[in-house]
């Protein structure tokens, strides 16, 4: 039968497993199935990215912001050269 696990207990279990304790031993100690612990671990891992991936995304974001800045500047410059067509009827 399914019994919800208190979030504090869940965090404690995951901390013990991550610190090197065997999943089977921790599961037995807390009365939780090994499969449940492995599911928690995989769900937690899916929500995180590596430091390498984070830095890559951060650099890409900076490059894109720089490109947007250059394009915005060029657009404003071309608008000033041409003038506003709504106020300069032909």
N, C-alpha and C. Protein backbone atom coordinates (compact mmCIF):
# COMPACT_ATOMS: atom_id res chain seq x y z
N UNK A 1 0.84 -1.18 0.00
CA UNK A 1 0.00 0.00 0.00
C UNK A 1 0.88 1.24 0.00
N UNK A 2 0.49 2.24 -0.76
CA UNK A 2 1.24 3.48 -0.89
C UNK A 2 1.05 4.34 0.35
N UNK A 3 2.16 4.81 0.89
CA UNK A 3 2.12 5.69 2.05
C UNK A 3 3.00 6.90 1.74
N UNK A 4 2.44 8.12 1.74
CA UNK A 4 3.25 9.29 1.41
C UNK A 4 4.39 9.49 2.40
N UNK A 5 5.50 9.94 1.87
CA UNK A 5 6.68 10.17 2.71
C UNK A 5 6.81 11.66 2.96
N UNK A 6 7.03 12.01 4.20
CA UNK A 6 7.23 13.39 4.61
C UNK A 6 8.40 13.98 3.80
N UNK A 7 8.28 15.21 3.27
CA UNK A 7 9.35 15.81 2.48
C UNK A 7 10.69 15.91 3.21
N UNK A 8 10.65 16.14 4.53
CA UNK A 8 11.89 16.20 5.30
C UNK A 8 12.57 14.84 5.34
N UNK A 9 11.76 13.79 5.49
CA UNK A 9 12.30 12.42 5.51
C UNK A 9 12.85 12.07 4.14
N UNK A 10 12.14 12.45 3.09
CA UNK A 10 12.59 12.20 1.73
C UNK A 10 13.95 12.87 1.49
N UNK A 11 14.08 14.11 1.92
CA UNK A 11 15.35 14.83 1.77
C UNK A 11 16.47 14.15 2.54
N UNK A 12 16.15 13.66 3.73
CA UNK A 12 17.13 12.95 4.55
C UNK A 12 17.58 11.66 3.87
N UNK A 13 16.63 10.94 3.30
CA UNK A 13 16.95 9.69 2.59
C UNK A 13 17.87 9.98 1.41
N UNK A 14 17.51 10.98 0.61
CA UNK A 14 18.32 11.31 -0.56
C UNK A 14 19.72 11.78 -0.17
N UNK A 15 19.82 12.50 0.93
CA UNK A 15 21.12 12.96 1.41
C UNK A 15 21.99 11.77 1.80
N UNK A 16 21.40 10.81 2.49
CA UNK A 16 22.16 9.63 2.91
C UNK A 16 22.65 8.83 1.70
N UNK A 17 21.77 8.66 0.71
CA UNK A 17 22.15 7.90 -0.48
C UNK A 17 23.25 8.63 -1.24
N UNK A 18 23.12 9.95 -1.37
CA UNK A 18 24.13 10.73 -2.09
C UNK A 18 25.46 10.75 -1.36
N UNK A 19 25.42 10.59 -0.05
CA UNK A 19 26.67 10.58 0.71
C UNK A 19 27.37 9.23 0.65
N UNK A 20 26.74 8.25 0.00
CA UNK A 20 27.42 6.98 -0.21
C UNK A 20 26.80 5.77 0.45
N UNK A 21 25.77 5.96 1.25
CA UNK A 21 25.13 4.80 1.87
C UNK A 21 24.39 4.00 0.81
N UNK A 22 24.30 2.70 1.01
CA UNK A 22 23.64 1.81 0.06
C UNK A 22 22.14 2.08 0.06
N UNK A 23 21.58 2.07 -1.14
CA UNK A 23 20.15 2.32 -1.30
C UNK A 23 19.35 1.27 -0.54
N UNK A 24 19.77 0.02 -0.62
CA UNK A 24 19.05 -1.06 0.06
C UNK A 24 19.01 -0.84 1.57
N UNK A 25 20.14 -0.42 2.13
CA UNK A 25 20.21 -0.20 3.58
C UNK A 25 19.32 0.97 4.01
N UNK A 26 19.37 2.05 3.25
CA UNK A 26 18.55 3.23 3.58
C UNK A 26 17.07 2.90 3.41
N UNK A 27 16.74 2.16 2.34
CA UNK A 27 15.35 1.77 2.10
C UNK A 27 14.82 0.94 3.27
N UNK A 28 15.61 -0.01 3.73
CA UNK A 28 15.20 -0.85 4.85
C UNK A 28 15.06 -0.02 6.13
N UNK A 29 15.98 0.89 6.34
CA UNK A 29 15.97 1.72 7.54
C UNK A 29 14.71 2.59 7.63
N UNK A 30 14.26 3.11 6.50
CA UNK A 30 13.11 4.02 6.50
C UNK A 30 11.81 3.35 6.07
N UNK A 31 11.87 2.09 5.67
CA UNK A 31 10.66 1.38 5.26
C UNK A 31 10.11 1.86 3.92
N UNK A 32 11.02 2.20 3.02
CA UNK A 32 10.65 2.68 1.69
C UNK A 32 11.26 1.70 0.69
N UNK A 33 10.59 1.51 -0.44
CA UNK A 33 11.14 0.59 -1.43
C UNK A 33 12.35 1.21 -2.13
N UNK A 34 13.25 0.34 -2.58
CA UNK A 34 14.43 0.80 -3.33
C UNK A 34 14.00 1.51 -4.60
N UNK A 35 12.97 0.97 -5.25
CA UNK A 35 12.48 1.56 -6.49
C UNK A 35 12.04 3.01 -6.27
N UNK A 36 11.39 3.26 -5.14
CA UNK A 36 10.95 4.62 -4.82
C UNK A 36 12.15 5.56 -4.72
N UNK A 37 13.19 5.11 -4.04
CA UNK A 37 14.39 5.95 -3.89
C UNK A 37 15.03 6.22 -5.24
N UNK A 38 15.14 5.18 -6.08
CA UNK A 38 15.73 5.38 -7.40
C UNK A 38 14.87 6.33 -8.25
N UNK A 39 13.56 6.26 -8.09
CA UNK A 39 12.67 7.18 -8.81
C UNK A 39 12.92 8.62 -8.35
N UNK A 40 13.04 8.82 -7.05
CA UNK A 40 13.32 10.16 -6.53
C UNK A 40 14.63 10.69 -7.08
N UNK A 41 15.64 9.82 -7.09
CA UNK A 41 16.95 10.23 -7.59
C UNK A 41 16.90 10.63 -9.06
N UNK A 42 16.19 9.84 -9.87
CA UNK A 42 16.12 10.15 -11.30
C UNK A 42 15.32 11.43 -11.55
N UNK A 43 14.26 11.64 -10.81
CA UNK A 43 13.46 12.86 -10.97
C UNK A 43 14.27 14.09 -10.57
N UNK A 44 15.02 13.96 -9.51
CA UNK A 44 15.84 15.07 -9.05
C UNK A 44 16.93 15.38 -10.06
N UNK A 45 17.50 14.34 -10.67
CA UNK A 45 18.57 14.53 -11.65
C UNK A 45 18.03 15.17 -12.93
N UNK A 46 16.80 14.86 -13.30
CA UNK A 46 16.23 15.43 -14.53
C UNK A 46 16.02 16.93 -14.41
N UNK A 47 15.84 17.42 -13.22
CA UNK A 47 15.59 18.84 -13.02
C UNK A 47 16.85 19.68 -12.94
N UNK A 48 18.01 19.07 -13.04
CA UNK A 48 19.25 19.82 -12.91
C UNK A 48 20.07 19.72 -14.18
N UNK A 49 20.94 20.70 -14.37
CA UNK A 49 21.86 20.64 -15.49
C UNK A 49 23.28 20.71 -14.94
N UNK A 50 24.21 20.24 -15.72
CA UNK A 50 25.59 20.25 -15.27
C UNK A 50 26.14 21.68 -15.30
N UNK A 51 27.21 21.89 -14.58
CA UNK A 51 27.87 23.19 -14.56
C UNK A 51 28.37 23.55 -15.94
N UNK A 52 28.85 22.56 -16.67
CA UNK A 52 29.33 22.79 -18.04
C UNK A 52 28.20 23.29 -18.93
N UNK A 53 27.05 22.65 -18.85
CA UNK A 53 25.89 23.05 -19.64
C UNK A 53 25.42 24.45 -19.22
N UNK A 54 25.43 24.72 -17.93
CA UNK A 54 25.04 26.04 -17.43
C UNK A 54 25.94 27.13 -18.01
N UNK A 55 27.25 26.90 -17.98
CA UNK A 55 28.18 27.90 -18.51
C UNK A 55 28.02 28.08 -20.01
N UNK A 56 27.76 26.99 -20.73
CA UNK A 56 27.55 27.08 -22.17
C UNK A 56 26.32 27.94 -22.47
N UNK A 57 25.24 27.69 -21.74
CA UNK A 57 24.01 28.45 -21.93
C UNK A 57 24.20 29.92 -21.55
N UNK A 58 24.96 30.17 -20.50
CA UNK A 58 25.23 31.53 -20.08
C UNK A 58 26.00 32.30 -21.15
N UNK A 59 27.02 31.65 -21.74
CA UNK A 59 27.80 32.28 -22.81
C UNK A 59 26.94 32.53 -24.05
N UNK A 60 26.12 31.54 -24.40
CA UNK A 60 25.24 31.70 -25.55
C UNK A 60 24.27 32.85 -25.33
N UNK A 61 23.75 32.96 -24.13
CA UNK A 61 22.83 34.04 -23.79
C UNK A 61 23.52 35.40 -23.95
N UNK A 62 24.75 35.52 -23.48
CA UNK A 62 25.51 36.77 -23.61
C UNK A 62 25.73 37.13 -25.07
N UNK A 63 26.09 36.13 -25.88
CA UNK A 63 26.32 36.37 -27.30
C UNK A 63 25.03 36.84 -27.98
N UNK A 64 23.93 36.21 -27.65
CA UNK A 64 22.65 36.60 -28.26
C UNK A 64 22.25 38.02 -27.85
N UNK A 65 22.49 38.37 -26.59
CA UNK A 65 22.18 39.72 -26.14
C UNK A 65 23.04 40.74 -26.89
N UNK A 66 24.29 40.39 -27.13
CA UNK A 66 25.18 41.29 -27.86
C UNK A 66 24.68 41.46 -29.30
N UNK A 67 24.28 40.38 -29.93
CA UNK A 67 23.75 40.44 -31.30
C UNK A 67 22.49 41.31 -31.34
N UNK A 68 21.62 41.13 -30.37
CA UNK A 68 20.39 41.93 -30.30
C UNK A 68 20.73 43.41 -30.15
N UNK A 69 21.72 43.71 -29.32
CA UNK A 69 22.14 45.09 -29.14
C UNK A 69 22.65 45.71 -30.43
N UNK A 70 23.49 44.98 -31.15
CA UNK A 70 24.04 45.48 -32.42
C UNK A 70 22.92 45.70 -33.42
N UNK A 71 22.03 44.74 -33.55
CA UNK A 71 20.93 44.86 -34.51
C UNK A 71 19.99 46.01 -34.15
N UNK A 72 19.72 46.18 -32.88
CA UNK A 72 18.87 47.28 -32.44
C UNK A 72 19.51 48.62 -32.77
N UNK A 73 20.82 48.73 -32.52
CA UNK A 73 21.55 49.96 -32.83
C UNK A 73 21.49 50.26 -34.32
N UNK A 74 21.75 49.24 -35.14
CA UNK A 74 21.73 49.43 -36.59
C UNK A 74 20.33 49.81 -37.08
N UNK A 75 19.32 49.23 -36.51
CA UNK A 75 17.94 49.55 -36.89
C UNK A 75 17.62 51.01 -36.55
N UNK A 76 17.98 51.43 -35.36
CA UNK A 76 17.73 52.82 -34.95
C UNK A 76 18.50 53.79 -35.85
N UNK A 77 19.73 53.43 -36.19
CA UNK A 77 20.56 54.27 -37.05
C UNK A 77 19.92 54.41 -38.43
N UNK A 78 19.42 53.31 -38.97
CA UNK A 78 18.80 53.37 -40.30
C UNK A 78 17.49 54.14 -40.27
N UNK A 79 16.76 54.06 -39.16
CA UNK A 79 15.51 54.83 -39.03
C UNK A 79 15.81 56.33 -39.02
N UNK A 80 16.88 56.72 -38.34
CA UNK A 80 17.23 58.13 -38.26
C UNK A 80 17.67 58.66 -39.62
N UNK A 81 18.39 57.84 -40.39
CA UNK A 81 18.85 58.26 -41.72
C UNK A 81 17.67 58.46 -42.66
N UNK A 82 16.73 57.53 -42.63
CA UNK A 82 15.58 57.58 -43.54
C UNK A 82 14.52 58.57 -43.08
N UNK A 83 14.48 58.83 -41.82
CA UNK A 83 13.42 59.67 -41.28
C UNK A 83 12.17 58.84 -41.12
N UNK A 84 11.18 59.42 -40.52
CA UNK A 84 9.94 58.70 -40.30
C UNK A 84 9.00 58.97 -41.47
N UNK A 85 8.65 57.96 -42.27
CA UNK A 85 7.82 58.17 -43.46
C UNK A 85 6.42 58.71 -43.14
N UNK A 86 5.92 58.52 -41.95
CA UNK A 86 4.59 59.02 -41.59
C UNK A 86 4.58 60.54 -41.52
N UNK A 87 5.73 61.12 -41.19
CA UNK A 87 5.80 62.57 -41.04
C UNK A 87 6.43 63.26 -42.25
N UNK A 88 6.86 62.49 -43.24
CA UNK A 88 7.46 63.04 -44.46
C UNK A 88 6.66 62.57 -45.66
N UNK A 89 5.49 63.15 -45.90
CA UNK A 89 4.69 62.67 -47.04
C UNK A 89 5.39 62.97 -48.36
N UNK A 90 5.17 62.09 -49.30
CA UNK A 90 5.81 62.23 -50.61
C UNK A 90 4.94 62.99 -51.56
